[in-house]
Amino acid sequence: MTLVRVLVALAFSATCAAADTLCGPRDEITAKLKTAFGETRTGMGTSGPKKVLEIWRSEETGSWSAVMSDTKGRACIVASGRDWTALDETLDDPA
């Protein structure tokens, strides 16, 4: 849950116009994640009334993508990487 909050905060600190962010119609972005990377949607959450953050990942390759979508059908890949590890437990604050 904390990871999703961090990703949402990072996504909103940058706009979809940033040079390192890939944006387009949501159906095209998600089709590319499925076909090119073998990723499937594994989690999602709302951020206000008009935005949704989705986590896409591939269990086979370990790749992952964070996709922010809006109510107009536009989506941006706001982060991506490799070596995703799904956790069943809650991480403790290392204070």
PDB file of N, CA and C in Angstrom:
ATOM      1  N   MET A   1       0.823  -1.185   0.000  1.00  0.00           N
ATOM      2  CA  MET A   1       0.000   0.000   0.000  1.00  0.00           C
ATOM      3  C   MET A   1       0.871   1.254   0.000  1.00  0.00           C
ATOM      4  N   THR A   2       1.952   1.259   0.781  1.00  0.00           N
ATOM      5  CA  THR A   2       2.831   2.418   0.841  1.00  0.00           C
ATOM      6  C   THR A   2       3.515   2.649  -0.492  1.00  0.00           C
ATOM      7  N   LEU A   3       3.904   1.581  -1.190  1.00  0.00           N
ATOM      8  CA  LEU A   3       4.536   1.717  -2.494  1.00  0.00           C
ATOM      9  C   LEU A   3       3.613   2.440  -3.465  1.00  0.00           C
ATOM     10  N   VAL A   4       2.344   2.082  -3.448  1.00  0.00           N
ATOM     11  CA  VAL A   4       1.390   2.733  -4.345  1.00  0.00           C
ATOM     12  C   VAL A   4       1.291   4.215  -4.022  1.00  0.00           C
ATOM     13  N   ARG A   5       1.271   4.575  -2.753  1.00  0.00           N
ATOM     14  CA  ARG A   5       1.213   5.988  -2.369  1.00  0.00           C
ATOM     15  C   ARG A   5       2.449   6.741  -2.843  1.00  0.00           C
ATOM     16  N   VAL A   6       3.603   6.123  -2.741  1.00  0.00           N
ATOM     17  CA  VAL A   6       4.830   6.757  -3.216  1.00  0.00           C
ATOM     18  C   VAL A   6       4.771   6.959  -4.725  1.00  0.00           C
ATOM     19  N   LEU A   7       4.314   5.941  -5.447  1.00  0.00           N
ATOM     20  CA  LEU A   7       4.216   6.057  -6.903  1.00  0.00           C
ATOM     21  C   LEU A   7       3.222   7.135  -7.311  1.00  0.00           C
ATOM     22  N   VAL A   8       2.111   7.244  -6.593  1.00  0.00           N
ATOM     23  CA  VAL A   8       1.134   8.288  -6.901  1.00  0.00           C
ATOM     24  C   VAL A   8       1.751   9.661  -6.677  1.00  0.00           C
ATOM     25  N   ALA A   9       2.459   9.831  -5.582  1.00  0.00           N
ATOM     26  CA  ALA A   9       3.095  11.117  -5.297  1.00  0.00           C
ATOM     27  C   ALA A   9       4.120  11.470  -6.370  1.00  0.00           C
ATOM     28  N   LEU A  10       4.903  10.498  -6.778  1.00  0.00           N
ATOM     29  CA  LEU A  10       5.890  10.744  -7.831  1.00  0.00           C
ATOM     30  C   LEU A  10       5.217  11.082  -9.148  1.00  0.00           C
ATOM     31  N   ALA A  11       4.143  10.392  -9.444  1.00  0.00           N
ATOM     32  CA  ALA A  11       3.440  10.616 -10.705  1.00  0.00           C
ATOM     33  C   ALA A  11       2.866  12.020 -10.775  1.00  0.00           C
ATOM     34  N   PHE A  12       2.355  12.513  -9.672  1.00  0.00           N
ATOM     35  CA  PHE A  12       1.764  13.841  -9.688  1.00  0.00           C
ATOM     36  C   PHE A  12       2.803  14.945  -9.582  1.00  0.00           C
ATOM     37  N   SER A  13       4.020  14.624  -9.175  1.00  0.00           N
ATOM     38  CA  SER A  13       5.055  15.649  -9.114  1.00  0.00           C
ATOM     39  C   SER A  13       5.613  15.950 -10.512  1.00  0.00           C
ATOM     40  N   ALA A  14       5.372  15.067 -11.435  1.00  0.00           N
ATOM     41  CA  ALA A  14       5.788  15.263 -12.831  1.00  0.00           C
ATOM     42  C   ALA A  14       4.553  15.239 -13.712  1.00  0.00           C
ATOM     43  N   THR A  15       4.565  15.970 -14.776  1.00  0.00           N
ATOM     44  CA  THR A  15       3.427  15.961 -15.684  1.00  0.00           C
ATOM     45  C   THR A  15       3.665  14.955 -16.794  1.00  0.00           C
ATOM     46  N   CYS A  16       2.595  14.630 -17.518  1.00  0.00           N
ATOM     47  CA  CYS A  16       2.715  13.686 -18.622  1.00  0.00           C
ATOM     48  C   CYS A  16       3.550  14.255 -19.763  1.00  0.00           C
ATOM     49  N   ALA A  17       3.832  15.519 -19.744  1.00  0.00           N
ATOM     50  CA  ALA A  17       4.629  16.127 -20.797  1.00  0.00           C
ATOM     51  C   ALA A  17       6.126  15.963 -20.563  1.00  0.00           C
ATOM     52  N   ALA A  18       6.513  15.377 -19.449  1.00  0.00           N
ATOM     53  CA  ALA A  18       7.937  15.204 -19.159  1.00  0.00           C
ATOM     54  C   ALA A  18       8.590  14.344 -20.237  1.00  0.00           C
ATOM     55  N   ALA A  19       9.860  14.633 -20.503  1.00  0.00           N
ATOM     56  CA  ALA A  19      10.569  13.966 -21.596  1.00  0.00           C
ATOM     57  C   ALA A  19      10.686  12.463 -21.382  1.00  0.00           C
ATOM     58  N   ASP A  20      10.754  11.994 -20.138  1.00  0.00           N
ATOM     59  CA  ASP A  20      10.956  10.576 -19.886  1.00  0.00           C
ATOM     60  C   ASP A  20       9.644   9.834 -19.616  1.00  0.00           C
ATOM     61  N   THR A  21       8.523  10.463 -19.904  1.00  0.00           N
ATOM     62  CA  THR A  21       7.216   9.855 -19.691  1.00  0.00           C
ATOM     63  C   THR A  21       6.568   9.576 -21.034  1.00  0.00           C
ATOM     64  N   LEU A  22       6.074   8.360 -21.217  1.00  0.00           N
ATOM     65  CA  LEU A  22       5.413   7.959 -22.455  1.00  0.00           C
ATOM     66  C   LEU A  22       3.907   8.056 -22.261  1.00  0.00           C
ATOM     67  N   CYS A  23       3.237   8.858 -23.080  1.00  0.00           N
ATOM     68  CA  CYS A  23       1.792   9.054 -22.973  1.00  0.00           C
ATOM     69  C   CYS A  23       1.094   8.737 -24.290  1.00  0.00           C
ATOM     70  N   GLY A  24      -0.196   8.427 -24.198  1.00  0.00           N
ATOM     71  CA  GLY A  24      -0.997   8.166 -25.379  1.00  0.00           C
ATOM     72  C   GLY A  24      -2.357   7.648 -24.972  1.00  0.00           C
ATOM     73  N   PRO A  25      -3.154   7.220 -25.947  1.00  0.00           N
ATOM     74  CA  PRO A  25      -4.444   6.626 -25.624  1.00  0.00           C
ATOM     75  C   PRO A  25      -4.242   5.379 -24.748  1.00  0.00           C
ATOM     76  N   ARG A  26      -5.066   5.240 -23.709  1.00  0.00           N
ATOM     77  CA  ARG A  26      -4.885   4.147 -22.757  1.00  0.00           C
ATOM     78  C   ARG A  26      -4.914   2.778 -23.435  1.00  0.00           C
ATOM     79  N   ASP A  27      -5.804   2.583 -24.381  1.00  0.00           N
ATOM     80  CA  ASP A  27      -5.885   1.270 -25.021  1.00  0.00           C
ATOM     81  C   ASP A  27      -4.604   0.929 -25.774  1.00  0.00           C
ATOM     82  N   GLU A  28      -3.950   1.921 -26.364  1.00  0.00           N
ATOM     83  CA  GLU A  28      -2.680   1.672 -27.066  1.00  0.00           C
ATOM     84  C   GLU A  28      -1.545   1.400 -26.079  1.00  0.00           C
ATOM     85  N   ILE A  29      -1.488   2.175 -25.008  1.00  0.00           N
ATOM     86  CA  ILE A  29      -0.436   1.993 -23.999  1.00  0.00           C
ATOM     87  C   ILE A  29      -0.552   0.605 -23.372  1.00  0.00           C
ATOM     88  N   THR A  30      -1.748   0.222 -22.956  1.00  0.00           N
ATOM     89  CA  THR A  30      -1.909  -1.075 -22.292  1.00  0.00           C
ATOM     90  C   THR A  30      -1.728  -2.242 -23.255  1.00  0.00           C
ATOM     91  N   ALA A  31      -2.109  -2.073 -24.504  1.00  0.00           N
ATOM     92  CA  ALA A  31      -1.872  -3.132 -25.498  1.00  0.00           C
ATOM     93  C   ALA A  31      -0.376  -3.365 -25.677  1.00  0.00           C
ATOM     94  N   LYS A  32       0.397  -2.291 -25.682  1.00  0.00           N
ATOM     95  CA  LYS A  32       1.856  -2.406 -25.819  1.00  0.00           C
ATOM     96  C   LYS A  32       2.465  -3.118 -24.609  1.00  0.00           C
ATOM     97  N   LEU A  33       1.970  -2.794 -23.409  1.00  0.00           N
ATOM     98  CA  LEU A  33       2.477  -3.473 -22.217  1.00  0.00           C
ATOM     99  C   LEU A  33       2.204  -4.972 -22.281  1.00  0.00           C
ATOM    100  N   LYS A  34       1.039  -5.341 -22.788  1.00  0.00           N
ATOM    101  CA  LYS A  34       0.675  -6.757 -22.900  1.00  0.00           C
ATOM    102  C   LYS A  34       1.516  -7.472 -23.950  1.00  0.00           C
ATOM    103  N   THR A  35       1.595  -6.889 -25.156  1.00  0.00           N
ATOM    104  CA  THR A  35       2.246  -7.599 -26.264  1.00  0.00           C
ATOM    105  C   THR A  35       3.764  -7.517 -26.221  1.00  0.00           C
ATOM    106  N   ALA A  36       4.311  -6.362 -25.914  1.00  0.00           N
ATOM    107  CA  ALA A  36       5.764  -6.194 -25.961  1.00  0.00           C
ATOM    108  C   ALA A  36       6.460  -6.696 -24.698  1.00  0.00           C
ATOM    109  N   PHE A  37       5.778  -6.613 -23.553  1.00  0.00           N
ATOM    110  CA  PHE A  37       6.438  -6.945 -22.290  1.00  0.00           C
ATOM    111  C   PHE A  37       5.767  -8.082 -21.529  1.00  0.00           C
ATOM    112  N   GLY A  38       4.626  -8.571 -22.023  1.00  0.00           N
ATOM    113  CA  GLY A  38       3.934  -9.656 -21.351  1.00  0.00           C
ATOM    114  C   GLY A  38       3.375  -9.258 -19.992  1.00  0.00           C
ATOM    115  N   GLU A  39       3.117  -7.975 -19.790  1.00  0.00           N
ATOM    116  CA  GLU A  39       2.635  -7.500 -18.502  1.00  0.00           C
ATOM    117  C   GLU A  39       1.105  -7.556 -18.427  1.00  0.00           C
ATOM    118  N   THR A  40       0.610  -7.788 -17.239  1.00  0.00           N
ATOM    119  CA  THR A  40      -0.822  -7.742 -16.960  1.00  0.00           C
ATOM    120  C   THR A  40      -1.051  -6.823 -15.768  1.00  0.00           C
ATOM    121  N   ARG A  41      -2.245  -6.270 -15.693  1.00  0.00           N
ATOM    122  CA  ARG A  41      -2.564  -5.363 -14.598  1.00  0.00           C
ATOM    123  C   ARG A  41      -2.729  -6.167 -13.317  1.00  0.00           C
ATOM    124  N   THR A  42      -1.991  -5.779 -12.283  1.00  0.00           N
ATOM    125  CA  THR A  42      -2.027  -6.521 -11.024  1.00  0.00           C
ATOM    126  C   THR A  42      -2.515  -5.686  -9.846  1.00  0.00           C
ATOM    127  N   GLY A  43      -2.698  -4.402 -10.044  1.00  0.00           N
ATOM    128  CA  GLY A  43      -3.195  -3.557  -8.972  1.00  0.00           C
ATOM    129  C   GLY A  43      -3.587  -2.203  -9.512  1.00  0.00           C
ATOM    130  N   MET A  44      -4.455  -1.525  -8.768  1.00  0.00           N
ATOM    131  CA  MET A  44      -4.873  -0.200  -9.183  1.00  0.00           C
ATOM    132  C   MET A  44      -5.472   0.543  -8.001  1.00  0.00           C
ATOM    133  N   GLY A  45      -5.492   1.865  -8.104  1.00  0.00           N
ATOM    134  CA  GLY A  45      -6.103   2.701  -7.083  1.00  0.00           C
ATOM    135  C   GLY A  45      -6.429   4.060  -7.661  1.00  0.00           C
ATOM    136  N   THR A  46      -7.416   4.713  -7.080  1.00  0.00           N
ATOM    137  CA  THR A  46      -7.800   6.031  -7.565  1.00  0.00           C
ATOM    138  C   THR A  46      -6.978   7.104  -6.866  1.00  0.00           C
ATOM    139  N   SER A  47      -6.808   8.186  -7.560  1.00  0.00           N
ATOM    140  CA  SER A  47      -6.137   9.355  -7.015  1.00  0.00           C
ATOM    141  C   SER A  47      -6.994  10.560  -7.359  1.00  0.00           C
ATOM    142  N   GLY A  48      -7.918  10.864  -6.483  1.00  0.00           N
ATOM    143  CA  GLY A  48      -8.879  11.912  -6.772  1.00  0.00           C
ATOM    144  C   GLY A  48      -9.961  11.390  -7.696  1.00  0.00           C
ATOM    145  N   PRO A  49     -10.848  12.269  -8.118  1.00  0.00           N
ATOM    146  CA  PRO A  49     -11.980  11.826  -8.923  1.00  0.00           C
ATOM    147  C   PRO A  49     -11.665  11.562 -10.395  1.00  0.00           C
ATOM    148  N   LYS A  50     -10.482  11.939 -10.872  1.00  0.00           N
ATOM    149  CA  LYS A  50     -10.221  11.857 -12.304  1.00  0.00           C
ATOM    150  C   LYS A  50      -8.980  11.083 -12.706  1.00  0.00           C
ATOM    151  N   LYS A  51      -8.280  10.447 -11.773  1.00  0.00           N
ATOM    152  CA  LYS A  51      -7.054   9.728 -12.125  1.00  0.00           C
ATOM    153  C   LYS A  51      -7.032   8.355 -11.469  1.00  0.00           C
ATOM    154  N   VAL A  52      -6.422   7.418 -12.200  1.00  0.00           N
ATOM    155  CA  VAL A  52      -6.246   6.049 -11.715  1.00  0.00           C
ATOM    156  C   VAL A  52      -4.794   5.649 -11.940  1.00  0.00           C
ATOM    157  N   LEU A  53      -4.171   5.085 -10.916  1.00  0.00           N
ATOM    158  CA  LEU A  53      -2.820   4.539 -11.039  1.00  0.00           C
ATOM    159  C   LEU A  53      -2.942   3.032 -11.114  1.00  0.00           C
ATOM    160  N   GLU A  54      -2.332   2.436 -12.144  1.00  0.00           N
ATOM    161  CA  GLU A  54      -2.343   0.983 -12.321  1.00  0.00           C
ATOM    162  C   GLU A  54      -0.917   0.460 -12.276  1.00  0.00           C
ATOM    163  N   ILE A  55      -0.744  -0.688 -11.666  1.00  0.00           N
ATOM    164  CA  ILE A  55       0.540  -1.387 -11.688  1.00  0.00           C
ATOM    165  C   ILE A  55       0.395  -2.577 -12.627  1.00  0.00           C
ATOM    166  N   TRP A  56       1.255  -2.628 -13.619  1.00  0.00           N
ATOM    167  CA  TRP A  56       1.306  -3.732 -14.576  1.00  0.00           C
ATOM    168  C   TRP A  56       2.635  -4.447 -14.355  1.00  0.00           C
ATOM    169  N   ARG A  57       2.613  -5.768 -14.425  1.00  0.00           N
ATOM    170  CA  ARG A  57       3.874  -6.500 -14.257  1.00  0.00           C
ATOM    171  C   ARG A  57       3.827  -7.849 -14.949  1.00  0.00           C
ATOM    172  N   SER A  58       5.012  -8.379 -15.172  1.00  0.00           N
ATOM    173  CA  SER A  58       5.163  -9.702 -15.758  1.00  0.00           C
ATOM    174  C   SER A  58       5.815 -10.603 -14.732  1.00  0.00           C
ATOM    175  N   GLU A  59       5.119 -11.651 -14.339  1.00  0.00           N
ATOM    176  CA  GLU A  59       5.711 -12.622 -13.416  1.00  0.00           C
ATOM    177  C   GLU A  59       6.866 -13.363 -14.075  1.00  0.00           C
ATOM    178  N   GLU A  60       6.781 -13.535 -15.391  1.00  0.00           N
ATOM    179  CA  GLU A  60       7.804 -14.286 -16.124  1.00  0.00           C
ATOM    180  C   GLU A  60       9.133 -13.537 -16.200  1.00  0.00           C
ATOM    181  N   THR A  61       9.091 -12.241 -16.529  1.00  0.00           N
ATOM    182  CA  THR A  61      10.327 -11.485 -16.729  1.00  0.00           C
ATOM    183  C   THR A  61      10.689 -10.575 -15.560  1.00  0.00           C
ATOM    184  N   GLY A  62       9.730 -10.280 -14.677  1.00  0.00           N
ATOM    185  CA  GLY A  62       9.988  -9.375 -13.563  1.00  0.00           C
ATOM    186  C   GLY A  62       9.852  -7.909 -13.927  1.00  0.00           C
ATOM    187  N   SER A  63       9.479  -7.614 -15.176  1.00  0.00           N
ATOM    188  CA  SER A  63       9.309  -6.214 -15.564  1.00  0.00           C
ATOM    189  C   SER A  63       8.027  -5.664 -14.949  1.00  0.00           C
ATOM    190  N   TRP A  64       7.993  -4.335 -14.754  1.00  0.00           N
ATOM    191  CA  TRP A  64       6.802  -3.695 -14.206  1.00  0.00           C
ATOM    192  C   TRP A  64       6.668  -2.285 -14.767  1.00  0.00           C
ATOM    193  N   SER A  65       5.432  -1.783 -14.759  1.00  0.00           N
ATOM    194  CA  SER A  65       5.139  -0.430 -15.225  1.00  0.00           C
ATOM    195  C   SER A  65       4.054   0.173 -14.350  1.00  0.00           C
ATOM    196  N   ALA A  66       4.190   1.458 -14.048  1.00  0.00           N
ATOM    197  CA  ALA A  66       3.152   2.213 -13.343  1.00  0.00           C
ATOM    198  C   ALA A  66       2.505   3.134 -14.367  1.00  0.00           C
ATOM    199  N   VAL A  67       1.201   3.007 -14.535  1.00  0.00           N
ATOM    200  CA  VAL A  67       0.458   3.753 -15.554  1.00  0.00           C
ATOM    201  C   VAL A  67      -0.567   4.647 -14.867  1.00  0.00           C
ATOM    202  N   MET A  68      -0.522   5.949 -15.171  1.00  0.00           N
ATOM    203  CA  MET A  68      -1.509   6.901 -14.659  1.00  0.00           C
ATOM    204  C   MET A  68      -2.472   7.219 -15.799  1.00  0.00           C
ATOM    205  N   SER A  69      -3.771   6.993 -15.563  1.00  0.00           N
ATOM    206  CA  SER A  69      -4.801   7.239 -16.576  1.00  0.00           C
ATOM    207  C   SER A  69      -5.757   8.314 -16.085  1.00  0.00           C
ATOM    208  N   ASP A  70      -6.369   9.021 -17.036  1.00  0.00           N
ATOM    209  CA  ASP A  70      -7.369  10.012 -16.670  1.00  0.00           C
ATOM    210  C   ASP A  70      -8.728   9.637 -17.258  1.00  0.00           C
ATOM    211  N   THR A  71      -9.731  10.435 -16.962  1.00  0.00           N
ATOM    212  CA  THR A  71     -11.095  10.130 -17.392  1.00  0.00           C
ATOM    213  C   THR A  71     -11.320  10.388 -18.875  1.00  0.00           C
ATOM    214  N   LYS A  72     -10.355  10.984 -19.553  1.00  0.00           N
ATOM    215  CA  LYS A  72     -10.475  11.249 -20.989  1.00  0.00           C
ATOM    216  C   LYS A  72      -9.869  10.136 -21.839  1.00  0.00           C
ATOM    217  N   GLY A  73      -9.386   9.066 -21.192  1.00  0.00           N
ATOM    218  CA  GLY A  73      -8.814   7.946 -21.929  1.00  0.00           C
ATOM    219  C   GLY A  73      -7.337   8.083 -22.234  1.00  0.00           C
ATOM    220  N   ARG A  74      -6.679   9.073 -21.654  1.00  0.00           N
ATOM    221  CA  ARG A  74      -5.245   9.275 -21.848  1.00  0.00           C
ATOM    222  C   ARG A  74      -4.491   8.575 -20.719  1.00  0.00           C
ATOM    223  N   ALA A  75      -3.361   7.987 -21.050  1.00  0.00           N
ATOM    224  CA  ALA A  75      -2.551   7.283 -20.060  1.00  0.00           C
ATOM    225  C   ALA A  75      -1.083   7.628 -20.253  1.00  0.00           C
ATOM    226  N   CYS A  76      -0.349   7.613 -19.155  1.00  0.00           N
ATOM    227  CA  CYS A  76       1.094   7.850 -19.184  1.00  0.00           C
ATOM    228  C   CYS A  76       1.789   6.772 -18.361  1.00  0.00           C
ATOM    229  N   ILE A  77       2.869   6.231 -18.911  1.00  0.00           N
ATOM    230  CA  ILE A  77       3.724   5.343 -18.134  1.00  0.00           C
ATOM    231  C   ILE A  77       4.621   6.265 -17.324  1.00  0.00           C
ATOM    232  N   VAL A  78       4.390   6.307 -16.013  1.00  0.00           N
ATOM    233  CA  VAL A  78       5.110   7.253 -15.159  1.00  0.00           C
ATOM    234  C   VAL A  78       6.348   6.647 -14.513  1.00  0.00           C
ATOM    235  N   ALA A  79       6.446   5.325 -14.542  1.00  0.00           N
ATOM    236  CA  ALA A  79       7.631   4.639 -14.026  1.00  0.00           C
ATOM    237  C   ALA A  79       7.618   3.220 -14.557  1.00  0.00           C
ATOM    238  N   SER A  80       8.805   2.631 -14.678  1.00  0.00           N
ATOM    239  CA  SER A  80       8.911   1.239 -15.100  1.00  0.00           C
ATOM    240  C   SER A  80      10.262   0.701 -14.662  1.00  0.00           C
ATOM    241  N   GLY A  81      10.377  -0.614 -14.654  1.00  0.00           N
ATOM    242  CA  GLY A  81      11.648  -1.193 -14.245  1.00  0.00           C
ATOM    243  C   GLY A  81      11.635  -2.701 -14.334  1.00  0.00           C
ATOM    244  N   ARG A  82      12.579  -3.316 -13.650  1.00  0.00           N
ATOM    245  CA  ARG A  82      12.741  -4.763 -13.640  1.00  0.00           C
ATOM    246  C   ARG A  82      12.842  -5.250 -12.210  1.00  0.00           C
ATOM    247  N   ASP A  83      12.822  -6.544 -12.062  1.00  0.00           N
ATOM    248  CA  ASP A  83      13.004  -7.209 -10.769  1.00  0.00           C
ATOM    249  C   ASP A  83      11.912  -6.860  -9.766  1.00  0.00           C
ATOM    250  N   TRP A  84      10.656  -6.800 -10.237  1.00  0.00           N
ATOM    251  CA  TRP A  84       9.531  -6.571  -9.336  1.00  0.00           C
ATOM    252  C   TRP A  84       9.414  -7.751  -8.380  1.00  0.00           C
ATOM    253  N   THR A  85       9.199  -7.456  -7.117  1.00  0.00           N
ATOM    254  CA  THR A  85       8.981  -8.486  -6.116  1.00  0.00           C
ATOM    255  C   THR A  85       7.655  -8.208  -5.428  1.00  0.00           C
ATOM    256  N   ALA A  86       6.720  -9.120  -5.535  1.00  0.00           N
ATOM    257  CA  ALA A  86       5.438  -8.977  -4.860  1.00  0.00           C
ATOM    258  C   ALA A  86       5.617  -9.379  -3.402  1.00  0.00           C
ATOM    259  N   LEU A  87       5.105  -8.564  -2.501  1.00  0.00           N
ATOM    260  CA  LEU A  87       5.218  -8.827  -1.072  1.00  0.00           C
ATOM    261  C   LEU A  87       3.844  -9.102  -0.484  1.00  0.00           C
ATOM    262  N   ASP A  88       3.771 -10.112   0.355  1.00  0.00           N
ATOM    263  CA  ASP A  88       2.520 -10.414   1.032  1.00  0.00           C
ATOM    264  C   ASP A  88       2.434  -9.718   2.393  1.00  0.00           C
ATOM    265  N   GLU A  89       3.571  -9.319   2.922  1.00  0.00           N
ATOM    266  CA  GLU A  89       3.584  -8.712   4.227  1.00  0.00           C
ATOM    267  C   GLU A  89       3.682  -7.191   4.136  1.00  0.00           C
ATOM    268  N   THR A  90       3.373  -6.526   5.217  1.00  0.00           N
ATOM    269  CA  THR A  90       3.509  -5.076   5.298  1.00  0.00           C
ATOM    270  C   THR A  90       4.925  -4.763   5.745  1.00  0.00           C
ATOM    271  N   LEU A  91       5.571  -3.847   5.044  1.00  0.00           N
ATOM    272  CA  LEU A  91       6.921  -3.450   5.425  1.00  0.00           C
ATOM    273  C   LEU A  91       6.857  -2.521   6.631  1.00  0.00           C
ATOM    274  N   ASP A  92       7.714  -2.763   7.607  1.00  0.00           N
ATOM    275  CA  ASP A  92       7.781  -1.900   8.771  1.00  0.00           C
ATOM    276  C   ASP A  92       8.587  -0.650   8.454  1.00  0.00           C
ATOM    277  N   ASP A  93       8.256   0.432   9.104  1.00  0.00           N
ATOM    278  CA  ASP A  93       9.014   1.675   8.970  1.00  0.00           C
ATOM    279  C   ASP A  93      10.343   1.484   9.685  1.00  0.00           C
ATOM    280  N   PRO A  94      11.479   1.694   8.977  1.00  0.00           N
ATOM    281  CA  PRO A  94      12.791   1.412   9.583  1.00  0.00           C
ATOM    282  C   PRO A  94      13.258   2.483  10.568  1.00  0.00           C
ATOM    283  N   ALA A  95      12.373   3.191  11.205  1.00  0.00           N
ATOM    284  CA  ALA A  95      12.734   4.284  12.116  1.00  0.00           C
ATOM    285  C   ALA A  95      13.574   3.850  13.212  1.00  0.00           C
TER     286      ALA A  95
END
